[in-house]
């Protein structure tokens, strides 16, 4: 099974302009995601997909020709940017069985997580896969910045929401975690190439527009999304404050390694 990792990276982020090139531990954020993907067993190639010459120049200089591709400035999402990369590679004769969409602002992604995603496609019925992790605090549970997911008993997504789901009737929200398990969506996806092309061609749906979650478009259209559980709660970087938090995590990890 041949897998490709595509790493969308925009410079013009509303909340954090220039984010992919912001330094974390002395290295640009984009370097972490690319390195994790490039050296994951089972991923044959990794490509950063950007619409900015500064990101393009950095990645090509750091990782070599073929590590980055300039893409359209008109894409609605990182998934659409991935779709362009796959179309262009296929036109050049490169074909893959699985495409992993790894956001460039996920510096702590682990190779084991990427391998888990690719491994989902050993089941021929899987067309889209993603990850979830257990929520450990009430603050995390109630925050709309953390997307929650509920699944069927066989591991398929029922719904994703910024609201807390399931809602526990007649129970104080402070006690919800004590009453049962809740899961946060880890926003890394993998697709079969044909399915990626199909979802990129779809119009945005009402559910998607309501919650600003593109995966709701796929569910609303009837696609099945396999969800695997990872023990690692990744830290995505959306704001400068997130970068400061990531720096603290990085320093703590370095201290643990030195002991």
Protein backbone atom coordinates (compact mmCIF):
# COMPACT_ATOMS: atom_id res chain seq x y z
CA UNK A 1 0.00 0.00 0.00
CA UNK A 2 1.55 3.30 -1.13
CA UNK A 3 0.79 6.35 1.03
CA UNK A 4 1.37 10.03 0.36
CA UNK A 5 1.36 12.70 3.06
CA UNK A 6 0.31 16.21 2.05
CA UNK A 7 0.90 19.03 4.52
CA UNK A 8 -1.15 22.18 3.78
CA UNK A 9 0.56 25.37 4.97
CA UNK A 10 -0.83 28.89 4.53
CA UNK A 11 1.06 32.05 5.41
CA UNK A 12 -1.97 34.35 5.62
CA UNK A 13 -3.60 32.88 8.72
CA UNK A 14 -6.12 35.29 10.22
CA UNK A 15 -5.23 34.51 13.84
CA UNK A 16 -1.51 33.94 13.32
CA UNK A 17 0.01 35.35 10.09
CA UNK A 18 3.23 33.59 9.11
CA UNK A 19 2.51 30.67 11.44
CA UNK A 20 4.26 27.89 9.45
CA UNK A 21 7.56 29.77 9.66
CA UNK A 22 7.22 30.84 13.32
CA UNK A 23 9.96 29.28 15.43
CA UNK A 24 9.34 26.51 17.94
CA UNK A 25 12.48 25.37 19.72
CA UNK A 26 14.49 27.29 17.16
CA UNK A 27 12.89 25.50 14.18
CA UNK A 28 10.00 26.61 11.95
CA UNK A 29 6.74 24.90 12.92
CA UNK A 30 6.32 23.39 9.45
CA UNK A 31 9.57 21.42 9.85
CA UNK A 32 8.12 19.23 12.59
CA UNK A 33 5.13 18.00 10.61
CA UNK A 34 7.17 17.42 7.46
CA UNK A 35 9.86 15.47 9.30
CA UNK A 36 7.30 13.27 11.08
CA UNK A 37 5.58 12.43 7.81
CA UNK A 38 8.72 11.95 5.76
CA UNK A 39 10.20 9.44 8.17
CA UNK A 40 7.05 7.47 8.94
CA UNK A 41 7.21 3.86 7.83
CA UNK A 42 4.52 3.30 5.21
CA UNK A 43 4.53 6.86 3.89
CA UNK A 44 6.44 6.92 0.63
CA UNK A 45 6.47 10.65 0.04
CA UNK A 46 5.64 13.87 1.89
CA UNK A 47 4.79 17.17 0.18
CA UNK A 48 4.11 20.56 1.75
CA UNK A 49 1.28 22.29 -0.15
CA UNK A 50 1.47 26.08 0.13
CA UNK A 51 0.34 29.24 -1.61
CA UNK A 52 3.21 31.37 -0.35
CA UNK A 53 6.68 31.79 -1.85
CA UNK A 54 8.31 32.28 1.56
CA UNK A 55 7.09 28.89 2.79
CA UNK A 56 7.99 27.30 -0.55
CA UNK A 57 11.54 28.68 -0.42
CA UNK A 58 12.12 27.56 3.15
CA UNK A 59 10.84 24.01 2.69
CA UNK A 60 12.72 23.46 -0.57
CA UNK A 61 15.95 24.75 0.97
CA UNK A 62 15.50 22.67 4.13
CA UNK A 63 14.29 19.41 2.60
CA UNK A 64 15.10 19.52 -1.11
CA UNK A 65 13.38 19.66 -4.45
CA UNK A 66 10.06 17.81 -4.55
CA UNK A 67 9.31 18.41 -0.87
CA UNK A 68 6.95 21.34 -1.55
CA UNK A 69 4.43 22.41 -4.17
CA UNK A 70 2.87 25.79 -4.90
CA UNK A 71 -0.92 25.55 -4.95
CA UNK A 72 -3.85 27.86 -5.67
CA UNK A 73 -4.74 30.74 -3.36
CA UNK A 74 -8.45 30.02 -3.92
CA UNK A 75 -8.82 26.82 -1.88
CA UNK A 76 -11.51 26.70 0.84
CA UNK A 77 -9.56 24.32 3.07
CA UNK A 78 -6.42 22.27 3.50
CA UNK A 79 -8.29 19.27 2.15
CA UNK A 80 -8.88 21.07 -1.15
CA UNK A 81 -5.18 21.94 -1.25
CA UNK A 82 -4.38 18.24 -0.79
CA UNK A 83 -6.72 17.43 -3.65
CA UNK A 84 -4.79 19.72 -6.00
CA UNK A 85 -1.48 18.08 -5.09
CA UNK A 86 -2.88 14.61 -5.75
CA UNK A 87 -4.35 15.63 -9.12
CA UNK A 88 -1.05 17.09 -10.24
CA UNK A 89 1.00 14.13 -9.08
CA UNK A 90 -1.37 11.71 -10.80
CA UNK A 91 -1.03 13.72 -14.01
CA UNK A 92 2.73 13.22 -13.70
CA UNK A 93 2.28 9.47 -13.30
CA UNK A 94 2.49 9.17 -9.51
CA UNK A 95 -0.31 7.12 -7.96
CA UNK A 96 -1.00 6.39 -4.31
CA UNK A 97 -3.43 4.15 -2.45
CA UNK A 98 -3.84 6.47 0.56
CA UNK A 99 -3.46 10.23 1.01
CA UNK A 100 -2.81 11.59 4.51
CA UNK A 101 -3.81 15.20 5.17
CA UNK A 102 -1.54 16.45 7.96
CA UNK A 103 -1.90 20.08 8.96
CA UNK A 104 1.34 22.03 9.10
CA UNK A 105 0.50 23.41 12.55
CA UNK A 106 0.71 19.97 14.26
CA UNK A 107 4.32 19.94 15.50
CA UNK A 108 3.82 17.08 17.97
CA UNK A 109 2.28 14.58 15.59
CA UNK A 110 3.76 11.13 16.06
CA UNK A 111 4.75 8.62 13.42
CA UNK A 112 2.68 6.03 15.30
CA UNK A 113 -0.44 8.13 14.71
CA UNK A 114 0.26 8.39 10.99
CA UNK A 115 0.91 4.66 10.78
CA UNK A 116 -2.38 4.02 12.58
CA UNK A 117 -4.24 6.11 10.02
CA UNK A 118 -2.63 4.40 7.03
CA UNK A 119 -3.26 1.02 8.65
CA UNK A 120 -7.02 1.68 8.67
CA UNK A 121 -7.02 1.16 4.90
CA UNK A 122 -6.10 -2.50 5.19
CA UNK A 123 -9.89 -2.73 5.54
CA UNK A 124 -11.09 -2.30 1.96
CA UNK A 125 -14.37 -0.76 3.14
CA UNK A 126 -12.61 2.26 4.70
CA UNK A 127 -12.65 5.35 2.50
CA UNK A 128 -11.87 8.11 5.05
CA UNK A 129 -10.12 7.78 8.41
CA UNK A 130 -9.26 10.12 11.26
CA UNK A 131 -8.25 10.04 14.95
CA UNK A 132 -9.72 10.76 18.37
CA UNK A 133 -8.29 10.97 21.88
CA UNK A 134 -9.89 10.91 25.31
CA UNK A 135 -10.74 14.22 26.95
CA UNK A 136 -9.19 14.55 30.39
CA UNK A 137 -10.52 17.83 31.82
CA UNK A 138 -13.86 19.61 32.10
CA UNK A 139 -12.36 22.80 30.67
CA UNK A 140 -11.26 20.91 27.58
CA UNK A 141 -14.63 19.20 27.36
CA UNK A 142 -16.64 22.43 27.41
CA UNK A 143 -14.38 24.49 25.12
CA UNK A 144 -15.78 25.08 21.60
CA UNK A 145 -12.19 25.15 20.37
CA UNK A 146 -12.01 21.40 20.99
CA UNK A 147 -14.07 19.43 18.49
CA UNK A 148 -15.83 16.45 20.02
CA UNK A 149 -16.73 13.24 18.22
CA UNK A 150 -19.16 10.40 18.94
CA UNK A 151 -18.91 7.06 17.16
CA UNK A 152 -20.75 3.84 16.45
CA UNK A 153 -19.76 0.68 18.31
CA UNK A 154 -17.65 -0.37 15.32
CA UNK A 155 -15.67 2.87 15.24
CA UNK A 156 -17.42 5.00 12.62
CA UNK A 157 -18.12 8.67 13.21
CA UNK A 158 -21.72 9.57 14.02
CA UNK A 159 -21.14 13.31 14.47
CA UNK A 160 -18.53 15.95 15.20
CA UNK A 161 -19.38 19.10 17.15
CA UNK A 162 -17.90 22.07 18.93
CA UNK A 163 -20.62 21.53 21.51
CA UNK A 164 -20.18 18.86 24.15
CA UNK A 165 -21.64 15.58 22.90
CA UNK A 166 -23.26 13.58 24.25
CA UNK A 167 -25.21 16.00 26.43
CA UNK A 168 -25.98 14.42 29.80
CA UNK A 169 -29.47 15.32 30.86
CA UNK A 170 -30.04 16.08 34.56
CA UNK A 171 -26.30 15.93 35.30
CA UNK A 172 -24.19 18.94 36.28
CA UNK A 173 -21.62 19.56 33.48
CA UNK A 174 -18.88 19.50 36.11
CA UNK A 175 -19.72 15.81 36.58
CA UNK A 176 -19.97 14.79 32.93
CA UNK A 177 -16.48 13.29 32.75
CA UNK A 178 -17.20 11.22 35.83
CA UNK A 179 -20.32 9.85 34.14
CA UNK A 180 -18.60 8.56 30.98
CA UNK A 181 -15.96 8.90 28.32
CA UNK A 182 -15.70 11.85 25.94
CA UNK A 183 -13.47 12.11 22.91
CA UNK A 184 -11.76 15.00 21.16
CA UNK A 185 -11.22 14.88 17.42
CA UNK A 186 -7.57 14.93 16.34
CA UNK A 187 -7.72 16.70 13.00
CA UNK A 188 -5.57 14.45 10.84
CA UNK A 189 -7.31 12.70 7.96
CA UNK A 190 -6.54 10.02 5.41
CA UNK A 191 -8.45 9.29 2.22
CA UNK A 192 -8.53 6.99 -0.72
CA UNK A 193 -7.58 9.28 -3.64
CA UNK A 194 -10.90 8.92 -5.48
CA UNK A 195 -12.83 9.79 -2.33
CA UNK A 196 -10.59 12.82 -1.74
CA UNK A 197 -11.41 14.01 -5.26
CA UNK A 198 -15.13 13.52 -4.62
CA UNK A 199 -15.27 15.46 -1.34
CA UNK A 200 -13.20 18.29 -2.83
CA UNK A 201 -15.76 18.63 -5.64
CA UNK A 202 -18.70 18.92 -3.24
CA UNK A 203 -20.38 22.19 -2.29
CA UNK A 204 -20.21 23.24 1.35
CA UNK A 205 -23.13 21.94 3.38
CA UNK A 206 -25.33 23.65 5.96
CA UNK A 207 -23.95 21.56 8.83
CA UNK A 208 -20.42 22.38 7.75
CA UNK A 209 -21.14 26.09 7.57
CA UNK A 210 -22.89 26.03 10.95
CA UNK A 211 -20.02 24.47 12.90
CA UNK A 212 -17.15 25.39 10.53
CA UNK A 213 -16.21 21.70 10.31
CA UNK A 214 -15.65 20.33 6.81
CA UNK A 215 -16.00 16.70 7.91
CA UNK A 216 -19.70 17.36 8.51
CA UNK A 217 -20.06 17.90 4.75
CA UNK A 218 -18.78 14.37 4.18
CA UNK A 219 -21.05 12.83 6.80
CA UNK A 220 -24.05 14.76 5.52
CA UNK A 221 -23.34 13.40 2.04
CA UNK A 222 -23.32 9.84 3.35
CA UNK A 223 -19.61 9.08 3.56
CA UNK A 224 -18.38 6.84 6.37
CA UNK A 225 -15.44 8.04 8.48
CA UNK A 226 -13.43 5.46 10.43
CA UNK A 227 -12.15 6.84 13.74
CA UNK A 228 -9.15 5.33 15.56
CA UNK A 229 -8.24 6.16 19.14
CA UNK A 230 -4.78 7.53 19.90
CA UNK A 231 -3.44 7.95 23.45
CA UNK A 232 -1.66 11.16 22.42
CA UNK A 233 -3.46 14.50 22.67
CA UNK A 234 -1.74 16.57 20.00
CA UNK A 235 -1.28 20.31 20.43
CA UNK A 236 -2.24 22.26 17.33
CA UNK A 237 -1.02 25.84 16.99
CA UNK A 238 -3.65 28.38 15.98
CA UNK A 239 -2.50 31.48 17.89
CA UNK A 240 0.69 32.99 19.36
CA UNK A 241 -0.55 31.84 22.77
CA UNK A 242 -0.68 28.27 21.46
CA UNK A 243 2.93 28.64 20.34
CA UNK A 244 3.94 29.72 23.84
CA UNK A 245 2.18 26.65 25.26
CA UNK A 246 3.95 24.45 22.72
CA UNK A 247 7.30 25.90 23.77
CA UNK A 248 6.57 24.90 27.35
CA UNK A 249 5.66 21.37 26.26
CA UNK A 250 8.84 21.14 24.20
CA UNK A 251 11.00 22.26 27.13
CA UNK A 252 9.30 19.79 29.46
CA UNK A 253 9.86 16.98 26.97
CA UNK A 254 13.51 17.91 26.67
CA UNK A 255 13.92 17.85 30.46
CA UNK A 256 12.35 14.38 30.61
CA UNK A 257 14.71 13.15 27.89
CA UNK A 258 17.76 14.48 29.75
CA UNK A 259 16.84 12.68 33.01
